[in-house]
Amino acid sequence: MAVPSYTTDLVDIDLCESGGKTWAEPTATGWTFGAAPASDDDNPFQGLLAMSKAYNATGVGGMMVNNGGAISLPTDGAFLVWFYWAAPGSLEADVDGGIRVMVGTDLNNFKSWDVGGKTSYVYGGWINYAVNTTIGEDDLVGTGLGNSQYVGAAVNNYNSIFKGNPFLCDATRYGRCEARIAGGETGNYATFSGFAAINDNVSYRWGLIQAITGGYLVKGLVTFGYGSVVDFRDSNKSLVIQNTNKVTANFNTFEVLQATSRVDLTSISITSLGTVSKGRWLTTANADINIESCVFTDMNTFTFLAQSTILNTTFRRCGIVTQGAAVFTGCKFDSASDTKALVVDTIGNVTNTIFISKGTGYAIEGFSSAGTYSLTGLIFTGYGANGTTDAAIHVLATSGIVYLGIGGGGTASPTVKSDGATIEYTVSVTLKIAVKDIDGNPMVGVRCYIDNNNESPFILDDVTDVNGEASVGYSGSPVSNATWRVRKYEYLPFQQLVNIGSENITLPVTLIDDPVY
């Protein structure tokens, strides 16, 4: 392995430094309020200089930089513009285009997208806004986009600012917005904080993995193993995916490349702040992925492969998770946002996991052919009735018999929607009766029975051994109100109704002398 490498695909349009490209305000009617932009060394965010604009005016005004040639945006990419406004309370609301990003042919022909306003820009500060020009614009000016040679930002201000230059822009870039991570070695693994240290350097300010109070603000494509193998291991971090409301759904993505890579996430929290591009996890190469004690909230889809192991991890209000033969143990799927929580192909690798319904959709979908499947420790809460699209399990098999073997303390008879196959439940458990006398001594030779509605043969028909126990391994359908009986001459008979489900049962019984004898 090698030392960690942190790079990006971003292409600079202009960094606002001395000798850079030309900035000017739009010439289109209704977009010219405020003064002309000028170089500013008082409040730069990246490098030594920014562009600023006085704004003793109300209405819409902006500034755009001339790239000097056409720009072609990659699929799922974006234009990135660093933006600052010193008086957040004077902006119009988000829905009224308080903050806008513009891309177009020239100063008189462009499109504009509403990216913020006083509703979201409550505390001000430098914000890196992202726009994909395939997304429908909020304003069409003149002939519109053209060759995307001009890029910039605008504000819609309703209160004149008499002091200083409140409106600033800094580094403007475009690309797939990819945080490229490679390398890593023992004692010097690749990490989120390692990338952020480069990202946040004043010479770069990429806006991809950005350190914030309490964690990291993330957007774009985070690639583990770009160009070469990565050994990424990080723990105890909180990431929030930026609310990027003018990009494609796949803009925010975590992707794993290189089959010999290793990616370990331990006690990592990733939460999406937006709904347009919520962030997805894409396992492209069958790398060694280990996710433990993590929480993913409001994200989109996850796809894993056979070398992925996910332990004690929560997927809360996330999209569909595709197993790909991965191991899931001790996990929780809470209120999945799509038509199902987990698509399985190797159900035996999913154990001791809880599924909680949001009221619609399946917990698990799979079982495409007839056969026997083991469900170990799977608990289903809040799912609908058999045959509905809200049932716990969706069986895709269209014919034959699908045997669902319930074990490990899971829900005994989860509800099922079958596409045609017959469903039968089976449990494999140990049933035991332990008999003692009133002095607590084990009783030998006591007759013990377990039956289902007195049907023959009985589930258990035996006498206790030297330890006072009679037991049987039971494999079959769950039984409601099975009859458990204990009989011995000169003692009062014992009988109790006990449900047989997915857990082993030991029933302690104390026999009392029959006073008749």
Protein backbone atom coordinates (compact mmCIF):
# COMPACT_ATOMS: atom_id res chain seq x y z
CA MET A 1 0.00 0.00 0.00
CA ALA A 2 0.93 3.67 -0.24
CA VAL A 3 0.26 6.81 1.69
CA PRO A 4 -3.31 8.11 1.28
CA SER A 5 -4.08 10.12 -1.83
CA TYR A 6 -6.81 12.77 -1.88
CA THR A 7 -7.63 14.40 -5.22
CA THR A 8 -10.58 15.63 -7.26
CA ASP A 9 -11.78 15.92 -10.85
CA LEU A 10 -12.92 19.54 -10.40
CA VAL A 11 -11.91 21.97 -13.13
CA ASP A 12 -11.31 25.58 -12.12
CA ILE A 13 -13.35 28.15 -14.01
CA ASP A 14 -11.91 31.03 -12.00
CA LEU A 15 -10.37 31.36 -8.53
CA CYS A 16 -10.81 35.16 -8.44
CA GLU A 17 -7.07 35.67 -8.05
CA SER A 18 -4.98 38.43 -9.61
CA GLY A 19 -4.71 37.94 -13.37
CA GLY A 20 -7.78 35.72 -13.45
CA LYS A 21 -10.79 35.79 -15.72
CA THR A 22 -13.24 38.65 -16.15
CA TRP A 23 -16.28 39.08 -13.89
CA ALA A 24 -19.17 41.41 -14.73
CA GLU A 25 -22.78 41.93 -13.78
CA PRO A 26 -25.54 40.65 -16.09
CA THR A 27 -26.81 43.11 -18.67
CA ALA A 28 -30.28 41.53 -18.91
CA THR A 29 -33.15 43.73 -17.78
CA GLY A 30 -34.10 43.07 -14.16
CA TRP A 31 -30.76 41.49 -13.24
CA THR A 32 -28.56 44.59 -12.87
CA PHE A 33 -29.17 45.85 -9.33
CA GLY A 34 -26.18 46.59 -7.13
CA ALA A 35 -22.75 47.80 -8.19
CA ALA A 36 -20.33 46.19 -10.62
CA PRO A 37 -18.19 43.39 -9.10
CA ALA A 38 -14.64 44.18 -8.02
CA SER A 39 -11.66 42.29 -6.65
CA ASP A 40 -11.77 42.01 -2.82
CA ASP A 41 -8.92 41.15 -0.45
CA ASP A 42 -10.90 41.77 2.76
CA ASN A 43 -13.00 38.60 2.83
CA PRO A 44 -11.67 35.91 0.48
CA PHE A 45 -12.62 32.29 1.15
CA GLN A 46 -10.25 30.56 -1.27
CA GLY A 47 -6.82 31.96 -2.01
CA LEU A 48 -6.04 35.64 -1.50
CA LEU A 49 -8.88 37.38 -3.32
CA ALA A 50 -12.62 37.13 -3.93
CA MET A 51 -15.06 39.12 -6.06
CA SER A 52 -17.44 41.43 -4.20
CA LYS A 53 -20.31 43.73 -5.03
CA ALA A 54 -21.85 46.70 -3.21
CA TYR A 55 -25.63 46.48 -2.91
CA ASN A 56 -27.28 49.77 -1.99
CA ALA A 57 -30.35 48.58 -3.89
CA THR A 58 -33.32 46.25 -3.85
CA GLY A 59 -34.14 43.62 -6.46
CA VAL A 60 -32.14 41.06 -8.40
CA GLY A 61 -28.48 41.58 -9.15
CA GLY A 62 -25.60 39.26 -9.82
CA MET A 63 -22.13 38.67 -11.17
CA MET A 64 -20.83 36.19 -13.74
CA VAL A 65 -17.39 35.08 -14.88
CA ASN A 66 -16.47 34.55 -18.53
CA ASN A 67 -14.75 31.17 -18.89
CA GLY A 68 -13.54 32.15 -22.35
CA GLY A 69 -14.96 29.02 -23.95
CA ALA A 70 -17.74 26.47 -23.80
CA ILE A 71 -18.12 24.16 -20.81
CA SER A 72 -19.45 20.60 -21.09
CA LEU A 73 -20.79 19.23 -17.82
CA PRO A 74 -20.30 15.48 -17.18
CA THR A 75 -23.23 13.19 -16.38
CA ASP A 76 -24.47 13.76 -12.80
CA GLY A 77 -21.95 16.58 -12.44
CA ALA A 78 -22.43 20.18 -11.36
CA PHE A 79 -21.19 23.74 -11.46
CA LEU A 80 -19.92 24.82 -8.04
CA VAL A 81 -20.00 28.45 -6.91
CA TRP A 82 -18.79 29.77 -3.56
CA PHE A 83 -21.27 32.38 -2.33
CA TYR A 84 -21.46 34.84 0.58
CA TRP A 85 -24.04 37.45 1.62
CA ALA A 86 -23.44 39.61 4.68
CA ALA A 87 -27.09 40.38 5.51
CA PRO A 88 -29.10 37.12 5.40
CA GLY A 89 -32.27 38.71 6.75
CA SER A 90 -32.52 41.05 3.75
CA LEU A 91 -32.79 38.24 1.21
CA GLU A 92 -36.05 37.09 -0.27
CA ALA A 93 -37.20 33.58 0.67
CA ASP A 94 -35.92 30.46 -1.06
CA VAL A 95 -39.13 30.09 -3.09
CA ASP A 96 -38.65 33.65 -4.37
CA GLY A 97 -35.07 33.07 -5.47
CA GLY A 98 -33.23 34.82 -2.66
CA ILE A 99 -30.01 33.15 -3.85
CA ARG A 100 -29.51 32.03 -7.46
CA VAL A 101 -26.86 30.35 -9.61
CA MET A 102 -26.65 31.41 -13.27
CA VAL A 103 -25.15 29.61 -16.28
CA GLY A 104 -25.39 30.81 -19.86
CA THR A 105 -24.01 32.02 -23.15
CA ASP A 106 -23.23 35.57 -22.09
CA LEU A 107 -24.35 38.34 -19.72
CA ASN A 108 -27.68 38.73 -21.49
CA ASN A 109 -28.60 35.09 -22.20
CA PHE A 110 -28.60 32.54 -19.41
CA LYS A 111 -30.61 30.29 -17.14
CA SER A 112 -30.96 30.70 -13.40
CA TRP A 113 -31.69 28.23 -10.58
CA ASP A 114 -33.02 29.16 -7.14
CA VAL A 115 -30.63 27.50 -4.67
CA GLY A 116 -31.40 29.34 -1.43
CA GLY A 117 -32.69 32.40 0.35
CA LYS A 118 -33.41 33.68 3.83
CA THR A 119 -35.36 30.49 4.63
CA SER A 120 -32.27 28.26 4.44
CA TYR A 121 -29.49 30.86 4.66
CA VAL A 122 -30.42 31.84 8.19
CA TYR A 123 -26.93 32.10 9.66
CA GLY A 124 -25.12 33.28 6.54
CA GLY A 125 -21.51 32.37 5.82
CA TRP A 126 -19.75 30.93 2.82
CA ILE A 127 -21.82 28.27 1.02
CA ASN A 128 -20.76 26.18 -1.97
CA TYR A 129 -23.82 25.81 -4.22
CA ALA A 130 -24.13 23.06 -6.85
CA VAL A 131 -26.22 23.18 -10.04
CA ASN A 132 -26.67 20.66 -12.85
CA THR A 133 -27.93 22.42 -15.96
CA THR A 134 -30.11 19.47 -17.05
CA ILE A 135 -32.40 20.32 -14.14
CA GLY A 136 -35.26 22.61 -15.10
CA GLU A 137 -34.37 26.25 -14.57
CA ASP A 138 -36.34 28.70 -12.45
CA ASP A 139 -35.63 31.60 -14.80
CA LEU A 140 -34.94 31.67 -18.54
CA VAL A 141 -33.26 34.88 -19.69
CA GLY A 142 -32.92 35.55 -23.41
CA THR A 143 -31.87 32.47 -25.35
CA GLY A 144 -30.81 30.67 -22.20
CA LEU A 145 -27.99 28.22 -21.57
CA GLY A 146 -26.14 28.06 -24.86
CA ASN A 147 -22.56 26.87 -24.42
CA SER A 148 -22.40 27.46 -20.64
CA GLN A 149 -19.49 29.88 -21.03
CA TYR A 150 -20.65 32.27 -18.28
CA VAL A 151 -21.22 31.15 -14.67
CA GLY A 152 -22.10 33.11 -11.56
CA ALA A 153 -24.56 33.91 -8.79
CA ALA A 154 -27.25 36.45 -8.01
CA VAL A 155 -29.35 37.61 -5.07
CA ASN A 156 -32.89 38.87 -4.75
CA ASN A 157 -32.65 41.48 -2.03
CA TYR A 158 -35.55 43.45 -0.53
CA ASN A 159 -33.61 45.81 1.77
CA SER A 160 -30.78 48.08 0.62
CA ILE A 161 -27.39 47.52 2.28
CA PHE A 162 -25.65 50.88 2.68
CA LYS A 163 -22.31 49.71 4.09
CA GLY A 164 -19.55 47.78 2.40
CA ASN A 165 -19.80 45.07 -0.20
CA PRO A 166 -22.19 42.42 1.20
CA PHE A 167 -22.24 40.16 -1.88
CA LEU A 168 -19.19 37.98 -2.64
CA CYS A 169 -18.29 35.08 -4.89
CA ASP A 170 -15.10 33.04 -4.85
CA ALA A 171 -13.77 29.92 -6.55
CA THR A 172 -16.05 28.71 -9.34
CA ARG A 173 -15.58 25.19 -10.71
CA TYR A 174 -17.29 22.33 -12.53
CA GLY A 175 -16.98 18.54 -12.86
CA ARG A 176 -18.47 15.32 -11.54
CA CYS A 177 -17.54 16.82 -8.15
CA GLU A 178 -15.61 13.70 -7.22
CA ALA A 179 -13.69 13.24 -3.98
CA ARG A 180 -11.09 10.71 -5.11
CA ILE A 181 -9.57 8.61 -2.33
CA ALA A 182 -6.81 6.03 -2.83
CA GLY A 183 -3.89 4.51 -0.93
CA GLY A 184 -3.67 4.06 2.81
CA GLU A 185 -1.42 1.84 4.91
CA THR A 186 -1.08 0.41 8.40
CA GLY A 187 -1.04 3.29 10.86
CA ASN A 188 -1.87 5.75 8.10
CA TYR A 189 -5.20 4.69 6.64
CA ALA A 190 -7.23 6.89 4.33
CA THR A 191 -9.94 8.74 6.28
CA PHE A 192 -12.65 11.36 5.91
CA SER A 193 -10.62 13.75 8.05
CA GLY A 194 -7.60 13.18 5.81
CA PHE A 195 -9.55 14.27 2.74
CA ALA A 196 -11.11 17.21 4.59
CA ALA A 197 -7.68 18.51 5.58
CA ILE A 198 -6.81 18.90 1.88
CA ASN A 199 -10.31 20.03 0.88
CA ASP A 200 -10.32 22.81 3.48
CA ASN A 201 -6.85 24.12 2.70
CA VAL A 202 -7.26 27.78 1.74
CA SER A 203 -5.52 27.09 -1.55
CA TYR A 204 -8.20 24.57 -2.57
CA ARG A 205 -11.59 24.87 -0.82
CA TRP A 206 -13.14 22.18 -3.03
CA GLY A 207 -16.40 22.00 -1.08
CA LEU A 208 -16.63 18.18 -1.31
CA ILE A 209 -15.82 16.82 2.18
CA GLN A 210 -15.77 19.89 4.37
CA ALA A 211 -15.08 19.96 8.12
CA ILE A 212 -17.90 21.60 10.08
CA THR A 213 -18.71 21.78 13.77
CA GLY A 214 -19.37 18.23 14.95
CA GLY A 215 -18.57 16.47 11.70
CA TYR A 216 -18.31 16.84 7.93
CA LEU A 217 -20.48 18.32 5.17
CA VAL A 218 -20.34 16.11 2.08
CA LYS A 219 -21.53 16.40 -1.50
CA GLY A 220 -20.78 14.91 -4.90
CA LEU A 221 -19.23 11.52 -5.63
CA VAL A 222 -17.00 10.05 -2.91
CA THR A 223 -14.88 7.36 -4.59
CA PHE A 224 -13.06 4.82 -2.44
CA GLY A 225 -10.29 3.35 -4.61
CA TYR A 226 -10.04 5.83 -7.46
CA GLY A 227 -7.40 4.62 -9.92
CA SER A 228 -5.78 2.24 -7.43
CA VAL A 229 -6.49 0.23 -4.29
CA VAL A 230 -7.59 2.03 -1.13
CA ASP A 231 -7.29 1.02 2.52
CA PHE A 232 -9.86 3.29 4.12
CA ARG A 233 -10.64 2.89 7.83
CA ASP A 234 -12.48 5.50 9.83
CA SER A 235 -14.60 5.59 12.97
CA ASN A 236 -16.68 7.83 15.21
CA LYS A 237 -17.49 10.43 12.58
CA SER A 238 -20.71 12.25 11.70
CA LEU A 239 -21.35 13.14 8.06
CA VAL A 240 -24.22 15.18 6.65
CA ILE A 241 -25.00 15.17 2.94
CA GLN A 242 -25.58 18.73 1.76
CA ASN A 243 -29.05 19.71 0.58
CA THR A 244 -28.27 20.06 -3.12
CA ASN A 245 -31.67 20.86 -4.62
CA LYS A 246 -30.64 21.57 -8.22
CA VAL A 247 -28.72 18.42 -9.17
CA THR A 248 -29.53 14.92 -10.45
CA ALA A 249 -30.64 12.14 -8.10
CA ASN A 250 -27.28 10.34 -8.44
CA PHE A 251 -25.14 13.41 -7.74
CA ASN A 252 -24.47 12.44 -4.12
CA THR A 253 -22.94 8.95 -4.12
CA PHE A 254 -20.44 6.85 -2.17
CA GLU A 255 -18.78 4.31 -4.51
CA VAL A 256 -16.28 1.52 -3.81
CA LEU A 257 -13.84 0.53 -6.58
CA GLN A 258 -11.01 -2.06 -6.88
CA ALA A 259 -11.73 -5.62 -5.69
CA THR A 260 -8.62 -5.62 -3.48
CA SER A 261 -9.63 -2.44 -1.66
CA ARG A 262 -10.70 -2.40 1.98
CA VAL A 263 -13.24 0.03 3.40
CA ASP A 264 -14.07 -0.03 7.13
CA LEU A 265 -16.69 2.25 8.66
CA THR A 266 -17.15 1.94 12.43
CA SER A 267 -19.64 4.07 14.36
CA ILE A 268 -20.10 6.38 11.37
CA SER A 269 -23.32 8.38 11.01
CA ILE A 270 -24.38 9.63 7.57
CA THR A 271 -27.54 11.77 7.32
CA SER A 272 -29.03 13.34 4.22
CA LEU A 273 -30.31 16.90 4.56
CA GLY A 274 -32.16 17.01 1.23
CA THR A 275 -34.63 15.05 -0.83
CA VAL A 276 -33.43 15.59 -4.43
CA SER A 277 -30.12 13.72 -4.14
CA LYS A 278 -30.23 11.87 -0.85
CA GLY A 279 -26.99 9.96 -1.29
CA ARG A 280 -26.57 6.34 -2.35
CA TRP A 281 -23.99 3.62 -1.59
CA LEU A 282 -22.68 1.79 -4.65
CA THR A 283 -20.44 -1.26 -4.30
CA THR A 284 -19.07 -1.53 -7.83
CA ALA A 285 -16.15 -3.85 -7.00
CA ASN A 286 -16.40 -6.81 -4.63
CA ALA A 287 -14.03 -5.22 -2.13
CA ASP A 288 -13.56 -6.06 1.55
CA ILE A 289 -16.19 -3.79 3.12
CA ASN A 290 -16.83 -3.80 6.86
CA ILE A 291 -19.58 -1.59 8.26
CA GLU A 292 -20.22 -1.81 12.00
CA SER A 293 -22.40 0.16 14.43
CA CYS A 294 -23.21 2.79 11.80
CA VAL A 295 -26.41 4.78 11.27
CA PHE A 296 -27.62 5.83 7.82
CA THR A 297 -30.56 8.24 7.85
CA ASP A 298 -32.77 9.49 4.99
CA MET A 299 -30.38 8.20 2.33
CA ASN A 300 -31.30 6.54 -0.95
CA THR A 301 -30.33 3.05 -2.20
CA PHE A 302 -27.48 0.79 -1.03
CA THR A 303 -25.96 -2.06 -3.05
CA PHE A 304 -23.51 -4.55 -1.56
CA LEU A 305 -21.59 -7.63 -2.76
CA ALA A 306 -20.40 -10.89 -1.21
CA GLN A 307 -17.35 -9.51 0.63
CA SER A 308 -19.42 -6.89 2.45
CA THR A 309 -20.20 -7.40 6.15
CA ILE A 310 -22.69 -5.11 7.87
CA LEU A 311 -23.02 -5.49 11.64
CA ASN A 312 -25.26 -3.75 14.19
CA THR A 313 -26.10 -1.00 11.72
CA THR A 314 -29.32 0.99 11.30
CA PHE A 315 -30.87 2.02 7.98
CA ARG A 316 -33.45 4.66 8.94
CA ARG A 317 -35.88 5.96 6.29
CA CYS A 318 -33.50 4.81 3.55
CA GLY A 319 -34.23 3.47 0.08
CA ILE A 320 -33.90 -0.13 -1.09
CA VAL A 321 -30.87 -2.05 0.20
CA THR A 322 -29.70 -4.81 -2.17
CA GLN A 323 -27.90 -7.63 -0.36
CA GLY A 324 -25.70 -9.05 -3.11
CA ALA A 325 -24.85 -12.01 -0.79
CA ALA A 326 -23.49 -9.65 1.89
CA VAL A 327 -23.70 -10.51 5.59
CA PHE A 328 -26.16 -8.55 7.76
CA THR A 329 -26.16 -9.32 11.50
CA GLY A 330 -27.78 -7.38 14.32
CA CYS A 331 -29.05 -4.67 11.98
CA LYS A 332 -32.22 -2.59 11.95
CA PHE A 333 -34.26 -1.43 8.95
CA ASP A 334 -36.53 1.32 10.25
CA SER A 335 -39.31 2.84 8.11
CA ALA A 336 -37.83 2.16 4.66
CA SER A 337 -38.79 4.91 2.23
CA ASP A 338 -39.36 2.65 -0.79
CA THR A 339 -41.51 -0.39 -1.66
CA LYS A 340 -39.23 -2.69 0.33
CA ALA A 341 -36.38 -2.41 2.77
CA LEU A 342 -34.07 -5.26 1.74
CA VAL A 343 -33.77 -7.29 -1.47
CA VAL A 344 -32.18 -10.63 -0.60
CA ASP A 345 -30.48 -13.36 -2.57
CA THR A 346 -28.82 -15.20 0.34
CA ILE A 347 -31.26 -14.98 3.24
CA GLY A 348 -29.10 -17.23 5.42
CA ASN A 349 -26.60 -14.36 5.64
CA VAL A 350 -29.21 -12.08 7.22
CA THR A 351 -29.56 -12.85 10.93
CA ASN A 352 -30.81 -11.27 14.16
CA THR A 353 -32.16 -8.25 12.33
CA ILE A 354 -35.19 -6.07 13.05
CA PHE A 355 -37.54 -4.67 10.41
CA ILE A 356 -39.95 -1.86 11.35
CA SER A 357 -42.64 -0.83 8.88
CA LYS A 358 -43.51 2.77 8.10
CA GLY A 359 -46.98 1.53 7.15
CA THR A 360 -46.35 0.61 3.51
CA GLY A 361 -43.96 -1.69 1.68
CA TYR A 362 -42.30 -5.03 2.38
CA ALA A 363 -39.46 -5.71 4.78
CA ILE A 364 -37.81 -8.35 2.57
CA GLU A 365 -38.17 -9.27 -1.09
CA GLY A 366 -36.62 -12.36 -2.66
CA PHE A 367 -37.10 -16.16 -2.65
CA SER A 368 -37.37 -16.37 -6.43
CA SER A 369 -37.59 -20.17 -6.55
CA ALA A 370 -39.27 -22.91 -4.53
CA GLY A 371 -37.20 -24.41 -1.73
CA THR A 372 -36.31 -24.19 1.94
CA TYR A 373 -35.01 -20.96 3.42
CA SER A 374 -33.81 -20.24 6.97
CA LEU A 375 -34.92 -17.05 8.72
CA THR A 376 -32.82 -16.71 11.85
CA GLY A 377 -33.69 -14.10 14.44
CA LEU A 378 -35.63 -11.88 12.04
CA ILE A 379 -38.22 -9.73 13.78
CA PHE A 380 -40.95 -7.91 11.86
CA THR A 381 -42.98 -5.09 13.43
CA GLY A 382 -45.99 -3.23 12.04
CA TYR A 383 -46.36 -5.04 8.72
CA GLY A 384 -49.67 -5.73 6.97
CA ALA A 385 -51.69 -8.89 6.46
CA ASN A 386 -50.90 -11.89 4.29
CA GLY A 387 -51.38 -11.21 0.60
CA THR A 388 -50.95 -7.43 0.83
CA THR A 389 -48.18 -5.21 -0.50
CA ASP A 390 -47.51 -4.25 3.11
CA ALA A 391 -46.75 -7.81 4.24
CA ALA A 392 -43.40 -8.52 5.88
CA ILE A 393 -42.08 -10.77 3.12
CA HIS A 394 -42.54 -10.71 -0.66
CA VAL A 395 -41.93 -14.16 -2.17
CA LEU A 396 -41.15 -13.90 -5.88
CA ALA A 397 -41.48 -17.62 -6.65
CA THR A 398 -44.53 -18.26 -8.85
CA SER A 399 -44.94 -21.99 -8.22
CA GLY A 400 -43.98 -24.84 -5.90
CA ILE A 401 -43.59 -24.65 -2.14
CA VAL A 402 -41.46 -22.13 -0.29
CA TYR A 403 -40.59 -23.36 3.21
CA LEU A 404 -39.68 -20.54 5.57
CA GLY A 405 -37.73 -22.00 8.46
CA ILE A 406 -38.09 -19.74 11.49
CA GLY A 407 -35.43 -19.82 14.20
CA GLY A 408 -33.32 -17.80 16.57
CA GLY A 409 -36.22 -16.09 18.31
CA GLY A 410 -37.57 -14.41 15.19
CA THR A 411 -41.21 -13.66 14.40
CA ALA A 412 -42.87 -17.10 14.23
CA SER A 413 -45.19 -16.55 11.27
CA PRO A 414 -44.33 -13.33 9.42
CA THR A 415 -46.94 -12.21 6.91
CA VAL A 416 -46.26 -13.01 3.26
CA LYS A 417 -47.26 -11.80 -0.18
CA SER A 418 -46.54 -14.63 -2.64
CA ASP A 419 -46.42 -14.32 -6.42
CA GLY A 420 -47.84 -17.84 -6.70
CA ALA A 421 -45.82 -20.26 -4.59
CA THR A 422 -47.37 -22.02 -1.60
CA ILE A 423 -45.91 -20.82 1.71
CA GLU A 424 -45.25 -23.12 4.65
CA TYR A 425 -43.58 -22.11 7.90
CA THR A 426 -41.21 -24.37 9.78
CA VAL A 427 -39.38 -23.97 13.06
CA SER A 428 -36.44 -25.97 14.37
CA VAL A 429 -36.28 -25.78 18.14
CA THR A 430 -35.55 -27.84 21.24
CA LEU A 431 -38.50 -28.43 23.58
CA LYS A 432 -37.76 -29.56 27.12
CA ILE A 433 -39.73 -30.33 30.28
CA ALA A 434 -37.71 -30.25 33.53
CA VAL A 435 -39.47 -31.95 36.46
CA LYS A 436 -38.67 -31.61 40.17
CA ASP A 437 -40.39 -32.52 43.42
CA ILE A 438 -41.37 -29.98 46.06
CA ASP A 439 -37.90 -30.29 47.60
CA GLY A 440 -36.28 -29.32 44.32
CA ASN A 441 -34.92 -32.74 43.47
CA PRO A 442 -34.99 -33.95 39.84
CA MET A 443 -37.58 -36.65 39.28
CA VAL A 444 -36.70 -39.65 37.12
CA GLY A 445 -39.15 -41.68 35.04
CA VAL A 446 -41.92 -39.08 34.90
CA ARG A 447 -44.11 -39.36 31.79
CA CYS A 448 -44.09 -36.14 29.68
CA TYR A 449 -46.20 -35.27 26.66
CA ILE A 450 -46.46 -32.42 24.17
CA ASP A 451 -49.21 -32.52 21.57
CA ASN A 452 -50.99 -30.34 19.04
CA ASN A 453 -54.74 -30.69 19.61
CA ASN A 454 -54.24 -34.32 20.69
CA GLU A 455 -53.01 -35.29 17.21
CA SER A 456 -50.94 -38.45 16.97
CA PRO A 457 -48.03 -38.91 16.94
CA PHE A 458 -47.36 -36.56 19.83
CA ILE A 459 -44.57 -34.03 19.53
CA LEU A 460 -43.08 -35.45 22.76
CA ASP A 461 -43.93 -38.74 24.44
CA ASP A 462 -41.14 -39.77 26.79
CA VAL A 463 -40.04 -40.10 30.42
CA THR A 464 -37.57 -37.93 32.28
CA ASP A 465 -33.93 -38.97 32.47
CA VAL A 466 -31.54 -38.94 35.44
CA ASN A 467 -31.59 -35.14 35.35
CA GLY A 468 -35.37 -35.03 35.54
CA GLU A 469 -35.63 -33.84 31.92
CA ALA A 470 -37.46 -35.01 28.80
CA SER A 471 -36.72 -33.22 25.53
CA VAL A 472 -37.22 -33.38 21.81
CA GLY A 473 -35.90 -31.60 18.75
CA TYR A 474 -38.91 -30.27 16.91
CA SER A 475 -38.97 -29.27 13.24
CA GLY A 476 -42.28 -28.27 11.78
CA SER A 477 -44.89 -25.57 11.69
CA PRO A 478 -45.34 -23.20 14.63
CA VAL A 479 -48.01 -24.42 17.06
CA SER A 480 -50.42 -22.20 18.96
CA ASN A 481 -51.57 -23.53 22.34
CA ALA A 482 -49.72 -26.83 22.27
CA THR A 483 -50.66 -28.98 25.27
CA TRP A 484 -47.79 -29.78 27.65
CA ARG A 485 -48.61 -32.53 30.19
CA VAL A 486 -46.74 -34.28 33.01
CA ARG A 487 -48.02 -37.48 34.73
CA LYS A 488 -46.71 -39.68 37.55
CA TYR A 489 -48.54 -42.05 39.82
CA GLU A 490 -49.18 -40.63 43.33
CA TYR A 491 -48.68 -37.04 42.10
CA LEU A 492 -51.17 -34.44 40.90
CA PRO A 493 -51.18 -34.20 37.09
CA PHE A 494 -49.82 -31.06 35.41
CA GLN A 495 -51.06 -29.47 32.19
CA GLN A 496 -50.32 -26.12 30.47
CA LEU A 497 -50.88 -24.57 27.02
CA VAL A 498 -47.64 -23.22 25.51
CA ASN A 499 -47.03 -21.72 22.05
CA ILE A 500 -44.25 -23.31 20.01
CA GLY A 501 -42.51 -20.67 17.95
CA SER A 502 -38.98 -19.92 16.88
CA GLU A 503 -37.29 -20.10 20.30
CA ASN A 504 -36.13 -23.08 22.33
CA ILE A 505 -38.40 -23.75 25.30
CA THR A 506 -37.64 -25.24 28.71
CA LEU A 507 -40.76 -25.64 30.86
CA PRO A 508 -40.01 -26.12 34.59
CA VAL A 509 -42.58 -28.25 36.43
CA THR A 510 -42.86 -29.03 40.14
CA LEU A 511 -45.02 -32.07 40.93
CA ILE A 512 -47.04 -32.10 44.12
CA ASP A 513 -48.02 -35.19 46.06
CA ASP A 514 -51.61 -36.32 45.45
CA PRO A 515 -53.27 -36.36 48.91
CA VAL A 516 -55.56 -39.21 47.81
CA TYR A 517 -52.63 -41.63 47.89
